[in-house]
Protein backbone atom coordinates (compact mmCIF):
# COMPACT_ATOMS: atom_id res chain seq x y z
CA MET A 1 132.30 -97.37 -22.10
CA SER A 2 132.40 -93.62 -21.12
CA ASP A 3 133.72 -92.73 -17.69
CA PRO A 4 131.00 -91.29 -14.99
CA ALA A 5 133.80 -88.94 -14.04
CA ALA A 6 133.61 -87.30 -17.11
CA ALA A 7 130.48 -86.08 -17.40
CA PRO A 8 130.07 -82.89 -15.07
CA ALA A 9 132.93 -81.48 -17.23
CA ALA A 10 131.13 -82.10 -19.96
CA GLU A 11 128.01 -80.42 -18.73
CA ALA A 12 130.43 -77.29 -17.12
CA SER A 13 131.58 -76.68 -20.42
CA THR A 14 127.95 -75.89 -21.93
CA PRO A 15 127.99 -72.07 -22.69
CA THR A 16 125.10 -71.26 -20.51
CA PRO A 17 122.91 -69.08 -22.90
CA THR A 18 122.96 -65.20 -23.00
CA PRO A 19 119.81 -62.91 -23.58
CA ALA A 20 121.87 -62.05 -27.13
CA SER A 21 121.82 -65.86 -28.00
CA VAL A 22 117.96 -66.39 -27.80
CA PRO A 23 116.36 -66.53 -30.77
CA GLY A 24 113.95 -63.15 -31.23
CA PHE A 25 116.01 -61.38 -28.48
CA GLU A 26 117.71 -58.95 -30.69
CA SER A 27 114.90 -57.88 -32.64
CA TRP A 28 112.89 -57.28 -29.34
CA ARG A 29 115.68 -55.13 -28.20
CA ARG A 30 115.73 -53.22 -31.24
CA SER A 31 111.93 -53.07 -31.23
CA LEU A 32 112.11 -51.56 -27.67
CA ALA A 33 114.97 -48.89 -28.74
CA HIS A 34 112.97 -47.74 -31.22
CA LEU A 35 109.77 -47.12 -28.96
CA THR A 36 111.67 -46.03 -25.74
CA GLY A 37 114.88 -44.48 -27.53
CA LEU A 38 116.95 -46.09 -25.13
CA GLY A 39 120.13 -47.47 -26.31
CA LEU A 40 120.15 -45.74 -29.74
CA SER A 41 122.63 -43.36 -31.17
CA ASP A 42 122.08 -39.86 -32.59
CA ASP A 43 121.71 -40.94 -36.43
CA GLU A 44 119.17 -43.84 -35.22
CA ARG A 45 117.17 -41.85 -33.32
CA LEU A 46 116.81 -39.26 -36.11
CA LEU A 47 116.04 -42.24 -38.36
CA ARG A 48 113.23 -43.29 -35.71
CA ASP A 49 111.80 -39.67 -35.48
CA LYS A 50 111.48 -38.85 -39.11
CA GLU A 51 109.94 -42.72 -39.99
CA GLU A 52 107.21 -42.17 -37.34
CA GLU A 53 106.63 -38.48 -38.63
CA ARG A 54 106.15 -40.19 -41.89
CA ARG A 55 103.72 -42.78 -40.22
CA ARG A 56 101.86 -39.90 -38.55
CA LEU A 57 101.54 -37.53 -41.69
CA GLU A 58 100.54 -40.97 -43.51
CA LYS A 59 97.91 -41.50 -41.26
CA ASP A 60 96.13 -37.95 -41.34
CA TRP A 61 96.16 -37.33 -44.82
CA ASP A 62 94.51 -41.11 -45.16
CA LYS A 63 91.93 -39.76 -42.48
CA CYS A 64 91.36 -36.85 -43.90
CA GLU A 65 91.11 -37.66 -47.81
CA ARG A 66 88.58 -40.35 -46.39
CA TRP A 67 86.24 -37.66 -44.35
CA LYS A 68 86.66 -35.74 -48.10
CA LYS A 69 85.35 -38.27 -49.97
CA GLU A 70 82.81 -39.07 -47.65
CA MET A 71 81.91 -35.54 -47.23
CA MET A 72 81.11 -34.89 -51.09
CA THR A 73 78.49 -37.74 -50.94
CA ARG A 74 76.91 -37.72 -47.71
CA SER A 75 77.27 -34.42 -45.72
CA PRO A 76 73.85 -32.34 -46.45
CA ILE A 77 76.19 -28.94 -46.70
CA ILE A 78 79.01 -30.32 -48.58
CA VAL A 79 76.59 -31.77 -51.27
CA PHE A 80 74.57 -28.45 -51.28
CA MET A 81 77.49 -26.09 -51.64
CA LEU A 82 79.08 -28.21 -54.46
CA LYS A 83 75.98 -28.50 -56.35
CA HIS A 84 76.12 -24.55 -56.50
CA LEU A 85 79.30 -24.41 -57.07
CA GLN A 86 78.46 -26.30 -60.14
CA LEU A 87 75.53 -24.23 -60.81
CA ALA A 88 77.41 -20.72 -60.69
CA GLY A 89 80.11 -22.42 -63.51
CA CYS A 90 82.72 -23.60 -61.16
CA PRO A 91 82.76 -27.08 -60.60
CA PHE A 92 84.47 -28.16 -57.51
CA PRO A 93 86.21 -31.71 -58.06
CA SER A 94 88.10 -33.81 -55.29
CA SER A 95 91.52 -32.39 -56.49
CA ALA A 96 90.50 -28.94 -55.65
CA MET A 97 90.37 -29.76 -52.02
CA GLN A 98 93.68 -30.80 -51.07
CA CYS A 99 94.83 -32.22 -47.49
CA HIS A 100 98.34 -31.07 -46.13
CA PRO A 101 99.72 -30.35 -42.68
CA CYS A 102 99.98 -26.99 -41.48
CA ASP A 103 100.76 -24.86 -38.38
CA ALA A 104 98.80 -24.28 -35.37
CA SER A 105 97.34 -21.09 -36.66
CA ARG A 106 94.81 -22.46 -39.11
CA ALA A 107 92.54 -25.48 -39.75
CA GLY A 108 91.76 -24.53 -43.64
CA GLY A 109 92.00 -22.17 -46.53
CA PHE A 110 91.00 -20.71 -50.12
CA SER A 111 93.17 -19.53 -52.82
CA PRO A 112 91.86 -18.26 -56.02
CA GLU A 113 94.41 -20.06 -57.19
CA HIS A 114 95.07 -23.27 -55.93
CA GLY A 115 91.49 -24.02 -54.37
CA ILE A 116 90.96 -25.11 -50.73
CA LEU A 117 93.71 -26.23 -47.95
CA LEU A 118 92.56 -28.48 -45.73
CA CYS A 119 94.79 -28.91 -42.55
CA GLN A 120 94.58 -32.58 -42.04
CA ASN A 121 96.63 -32.44 -38.73
CA ARG A 122 94.39 -29.36 -37.11
CA PHE A 123 91.11 -31.24 -37.04
CA MET A 124 89.38 -32.00 -34.00
CA ASN A 125 86.96 -34.29 -35.25
CA ARG A 126 84.88 -34.81 -38.58
CA ARG A 127 82.43 -32.29 -37.59
CA HIS A 128 85.11 -29.62 -37.50
CA MET A 129 86.44 -30.86 -40.72
CA GLU A 130 83.20 -30.40 -42.51
CA ASP A 131 82.50 -27.13 -40.56
CA THR A 132 85.85 -26.13 -42.15
CA LEU A 133 85.50 -27.16 -45.79
CA ALA A 134 82.00 -25.48 -45.82
CA HIS A 135 83.49 -22.11 -44.69
CA GLU A 136 86.23 -22.19 -47.47
CA LEU A 137 83.46 -23.37 -49.82
CA LEU A 138 81.52 -20.04 -49.25
CA HIS A 139 84.71 -18.81 -50.12
CA ALA A 140 84.52 -20.12 -53.41
CA PHE A 141 81.67 -19.83 -54.00
CA ASP A 142 81.89 -16.40 -52.99
CA HIS A 143 84.79 -15.99 -55.54
CA CYS A 144 82.80 -17.47 -58.36
CA ARG A 145 79.80 -15.73 -57.77
CA PHE A 146 80.56 -12.32 -57.12
CA ARG A 147 84.17 -11.80 -58.31
CA VAL A 148 85.49 -11.13 -54.98
CA ASP A 149 88.52 -8.57 -55.03
CA TRP A 150 90.67 -10.74 -52.09
CA MET A 151 92.79 -7.36 -51.98
CA ASN A 152 90.30 -5.22 -50.87
CA LEU A 153 88.89 -5.31 -47.15
CA ARG A 154 85.26 -4.77 -47.70
CA HIS A 155 85.47 -7.51 -49.64
CA HIS A 156 87.40 -9.52 -48.13
CA ALA A 157 85.44 -8.70 -45.04
CA CYS A 158 82.06 -9.41 -46.40
CA THR A 159 82.83 -13.21 -47.65
CA GLU A 160 84.32 -13.56 -43.92
CA ILE A 161 81.08 -12.80 -42.28
CA ARG A 162 79.00 -15.21 -45.05
CA ALA A 163 81.57 -17.95 -44.55
CA ALA A 164 81.58 -17.93 -40.54
CA ASN A 165 77.33 -17.09 -40.54
CA LEU A 166 76.60 -20.02 -42.49
CA SER A 167 79.08 -22.88 -42.60
CA GLY A 168 78.11 -23.92 -39.10
CA ASP A 169 81.05 -22.55 -37.92
CA CYS A 170 79.36 -20.42 -35.17
CA ARG A 171 76.69 -22.88 -33.87
CA TRP A 172 76.66 -22.80 -30.11
CA SER A 173 78.42 -25.83 -29.18
CA ARG A 174 81.09 -24.79 -31.23
CA GLU A 175 81.21 -21.45 -29.30
CA VAL A 176 80.92 -23.21 -25.98
CA LYS A 177 83.98 -25.43 -26.67
CA ARG A 178 85.96 -21.99 -27.63
CA GLY A 179 85.11 -20.67 -24.31
CA TYR A 180 82.45 -18.07 -25.67
CA TRP A 181 78.60 -18.37 -24.51
CA ALA A 182 75.61 -16.23 -23.93
CA PHE A 183 72.52 -15.77 -23.78
CA SER A 184 71.25 -13.58 -26.74
CA ALA A 185 72.96 -13.07 -29.84
CA GLN A 186 75.66 -15.17 -29.27
CA HIS A 187 75.86 -16.28 -33.07
CA GLN A 188 76.21 -12.65 -34.41
CA ALA A 189 79.58 -11.72 -31.81
CA CYS A 190 80.58 -14.82 -33.14
CA VAL A 191 80.46 -14.28 -36.48
CA ARG A 192 81.49 -10.73 -36.67
CA ARG A 193 84.64 -11.48 -34.06
CA ARG A 194 85.90 -14.52 -36.32
CA ALA A 195 85.22 -11.96 -39.45
CA VAL A 196 87.74 -9.11 -37.72
CA LEU A 197 90.09 -12.01 -36.99
CA SER A 198 90.27 -13.05 -40.32
CA VAL A 199 90.24 -9.65 -41.92
CA MET A 200 93.14 -9.00 -39.57
CA ALA A 201 95.49 -11.45 -41.33
CA HIS A 202 94.80 -9.50 -44.25
CA PRO A 203 98.31 -7.86 -45.53
CA LYS A 204 96.23 -4.51 -45.77
CA CYS A 205 94.56 -4.23 -42.96
CA GLN A 206 96.50 -2.64 -39.93
CA GLY A 207 95.37 -3.43 -37.13
CA LYS A 208 92.28 -4.46 -34.81
CA GLU A 209 90.43 -1.18 -35.47
CA ASP A 210 91.21 -1.61 -39.30
CA ALA A 211 89.35 -4.90 -39.23
CA GLU A 212 86.65 -3.70 -37.16
CA ARG A 213 85.90 -0.85 -39.22
CA ALA A 214 85.91 -2.91 -42.35
CA VAL A 215 83.68 -5.50 -40.54
CA GLY A 216 80.87 -3.02 -39.43
CA GLU A 217 80.90 -1.03 -43.01
CA VAL A 218 79.40 -4.24 -44.81
CA TRP A 219 78.09 -5.99 -41.59
CA ASP A 220 74.16 -5.31 -42.53
CA SER A 221 74.45 -6.23 -45.84
CA CYS A 222 76.43 -9.08 -45.48
CA PHE A 223 74.99 -11.01 -42.37
CA ARG A 224 71.35 -10.64 -44.17
CA ASP A 225 72.62 -12.57 -47.47
CA THR A 226 72.02 -15.61 -47.01
CA ARG A 227 72.84 -16.87 -50.52
CA PRO A 228 72.97 -19.82 -51.82
CA PHE A 229 70.73 -21.29 -48.50
CA ASP A 230 67.89 -19.81 -48.21
CA ASP A 231 68.06 -19.30 -43.92
CA ILE A 232 71.31 -19.64 -41.61
CA TYR A 233 72.67 -23.35 -41.64
């Protein structure tokens, strides 16, 4: 027969649960530490940041690739440009349009050697990416059809005028979001401004006046040239 007096002592000897001994507490604590950064060592925080960056890059890449593939079959302007590149003898497969992270200075680019760069982390929305891809496909078309000399400022100015004019990059809604609007000649002003900015980045350009001169010299003929479109998109 047990001694009733011993029961309190036995109960008193039972260890009080601590948070660390509760099942699942440690994994919860670690998750919270990784979320907030509190309680992590410098090495653990560095590993956490690298893992978050990796996941962000993968997410951006997946979205960029998904949108690109959809545009290649469903976007009227992208399908149209791909068709005319094919007709011009320069087919542009999906592999020639690469999604990569970029700095804040660009949303895309075209290189005769490497194809089109789509800056996966720079797109505000699907329409922004569509306009960017159309812009770069116009450069690809000009390079294929007209044999652009990319080291010639006048050639560069002409293809920049055409790309800004025809890609949708200067539509009224885009300009308003940039803080530019006018009741007349807004489209022309946008095309000229963006062409000048692009030419200014050319390694042979000596400054804004040099870029404005190159754009001005080819403006009339290049702004009127809507090939392969019948009119401004």
